[in-house]
């Protein structure tokens, strides 16, 4: 799914450039993979 991966990769790329905490994007990415919109419980 390049249509899904590319936007995420771009966001991560900008996050690194901006020097922001990458953890937020990593968590969002993992939630997308897990298919858990709530995120958190059972992790």
N, C-alpha and C. Protein backbone atom coordinates (compact mmCIF):
# COMPACT_ATOMS: atom_id res chain seq x y z
N UNK A 1 0.84 -1.21 0.00
CA UNK A 1 0.00 0.00 0.00
C UNK A 1 0.87 1.25 0.00
N UNK A 2 1.37 1.62 -1.16
CA UNK A 2 2.24 2.80 -1.24
C UNK A 2 1.45 4.06 -0.91
N UNK A 3 0.14 4.04 -1.22
CA UNK A 3 -0.69 5.21 -0.93
C UNK A 3 -0.78 5.45 0.56
N UNK A 4 -0.60 4.40 1.36
CA UNK A 4 -0.67 4.53 2.82
C UNK A 4 0.73 4.78 3.38
N UNK A 5 1.70 4.03 2.87
CA UNK A 5 3.06 4.11 3.40
C UNK A 5 3.71 5.46 3.08
N UNK A 6 3.57 5.93 1.86
CA UNK A 6 4.24 7.16 1.45
C UNK A 6 3.87 8.36 2.31
N UNK A 7 2.56 8.63 2.51
CA UNK A 7 2.18 9.77 3.36
C UNK A 7 2.78 9.65 4.75
N UNK A 8 2.79 8.45 5.31
CA UNK A 8 3.35 8.24 6.64
C UNK A 8 4.85 8.51 6.61
N UNK A 9 5.52 8.01 5.59
CA UNK A 9 6.96 8.21 5.47
C UNK A 9 7.28 9.69 5.36
N UNK A 10 6.45 10.42 4.61
CA UNK A 10 6.64 11.86 4.45
C UNK A 10 6.45 12.56 5.78
N UNK A 11 5.44 12.16 6.53
CA UNK A 11 5.18 12.78 7.84
C UNK A 11 6.34 12.51 8.78
N UNK A 12 6.84 11.28 8.75
CA UNK A 12 7.98 10.92 9.60
C UNK A 12 9.20 11.73 9.19
N UNK A 13 9.40 11.87 7.88
CA UNK A 13 10.54 12.62 7.36
C UNK A 13 10.49 14.06 7.85
N UNK A 14 9.31 14.68 7.75
CA UNK A 14 9.16 16.06 8.22
C UNK A 14 9.35 16.14 9.73
N UNK A 15 8.89 15.14 10.43
CA UNK A 15 9.02 15.12 11.89
C UNK A 15 10.50 15.12 12.27
N UNK A 16 11.28 14.34 11.55
CA UNK A 16 12.72 14.28 11.84
C UNK A 16 13.37 15.63 11.54
N UNK A 17 12.96 16.26 10.44
CA UNK A 17 13.51 17.56 10.06
C UNK A 17 13.12 18.61 11.10
N UNK A 18 11.89 18.55 11.55
CA UNK A 18 11.39 19.54 12.52
C UNK A 18 11.94 19.27 13.91
N UNK A 19 12.51 18.07 14.10
CA UNK A 19 13.10 17.73 15.39
C UNK A 19 12.05 17.39 16.42
N UNK A 20 10.85 17.04 15.95
CA UNK A 20 9.79 16.67 16.88
C UNK A 20 9.94 15.22 17.33
N UNK A 21 9.19 14.86 18.37
CA UNK A 21 9.29 13.51 18.92
C UNK A 21 8.69 12.50 17.94
N UNK A 22 9.53 11.62 17.44
CA UNK A 22 9.12 10.62 16.45
C UNK A 22 8.18 9.59 17.06
N UNK A 23 8.19 9.49 18.39
CA UNK A 23 7.38 8.49 19.07
C UNK A 23 5.90 8.62 18.72
N UNK A 24 5.43 9.86 18.55
CA UNK A 24 4.02 10.08 18.23
C UNK A 24 3.68 9.44 16.89
N UNK A 25 4.58 9.58 15.91
CA UNK A 25 4.32 9.02 14.60
C UNK A 25 4.45 7.50 14.63
N UNK A 26 5.41 7.01 15.42
CA UNK A 26 5.60 5.56 15.54
C UNK A 26 4.35 4.93 16.15
N UNK A 27 3.79 5.59 17.16
CA UNK A 27 2.58 5.06 17.82
C UNK A 27 1.42 5.05 16.82
N UNK A 28 1.27 6.13 16.06
CA UNK A 28 0.19 6.20 15.08
C UNK A 28 0.37 5.10 14.03
N UNK A 29 1.61 4.90 13.61
CA UNK A 29 1.89 3.88 12.60
C UNK A 29 1.55 2.49 13.12
N UNK A 30 1.93 2.22 14.38
CA UNK A 30 1.65 0.91 14.98
C UNK A 30 0.15 0.71 15.13
N UNK A 31 -0.57 1.78 15.48
CA UNK A 31 -2.03 1.68 15.64
C UNK A 31 -2.67 1.34 14.29
N UNK A 32 -2.13 1.93 13.22
CA UNK A 32 -2.66 1.66 11.88
C UNK A 32 -2.43 0.19 11.54
N UNK A 33 -1.27 -0.34 11.91
CA UNK A 33 -0.96 -1.73 11.61
C UNK A 33 -1.82 -2.67 12.44
N UNK A 34 -2.03 -2.29 13.70
CA UNK A 34 -2.81 -3.13 14.61
C UNK A 34 -4.30 -3.04 14.30
N UNK A 35 -4.71 -1.96 13.63
CA UNK A 35 -6.12 -1.78 13.31
C UNK A 35 -6.91 -1.44 14.55
N UNK A 36 -6.25 -0.81 15.53
CA UNK A 36 -6.91 -0.46 16.79
C UNK A 36 -7.05 1.06 16.89
N UNK A 37 -8.21 1.60 16.52
CA UNK A 37 -8.42 3.06 16.55
C UNK A 37 -8.29 3.63 17.94
N UNK A 38 -8.63 2.82 18.95
CA UNK A 38 -8.53 3.30 20.34
C UNK A 38 -7.06 3.41 20.74
N UNK A 39 -6.26 2.42 20.33
CA UNK A 39 -4.84 2.43 20.65
C UNK A 39 -4.61 2.35 22.14
N UNK A 40 -3.60 1.60 22.57
CA UNK A 40 -3.28 1.56 23.99
C UNK A 40 -3.62 0.23 24.62
N UNK A 41 -4.88 -0.06 24.85
CA UNK A 41 -5.26 -1.28 25.59
C UNK A 41 -4.78 -2.54 24.88
N UNK A 42 -4.17 -3.44 25.65
CA UNK A 42 -3.75 -4.72 25.11
C UNK A 42 -2.43 -4.65 24.37
N UNK A 43 -1.74 -3.52 24.48
CA UNK A 43 -0.45 -3.40 23.78
C UNK A 43 0.65 -4.00 24.63
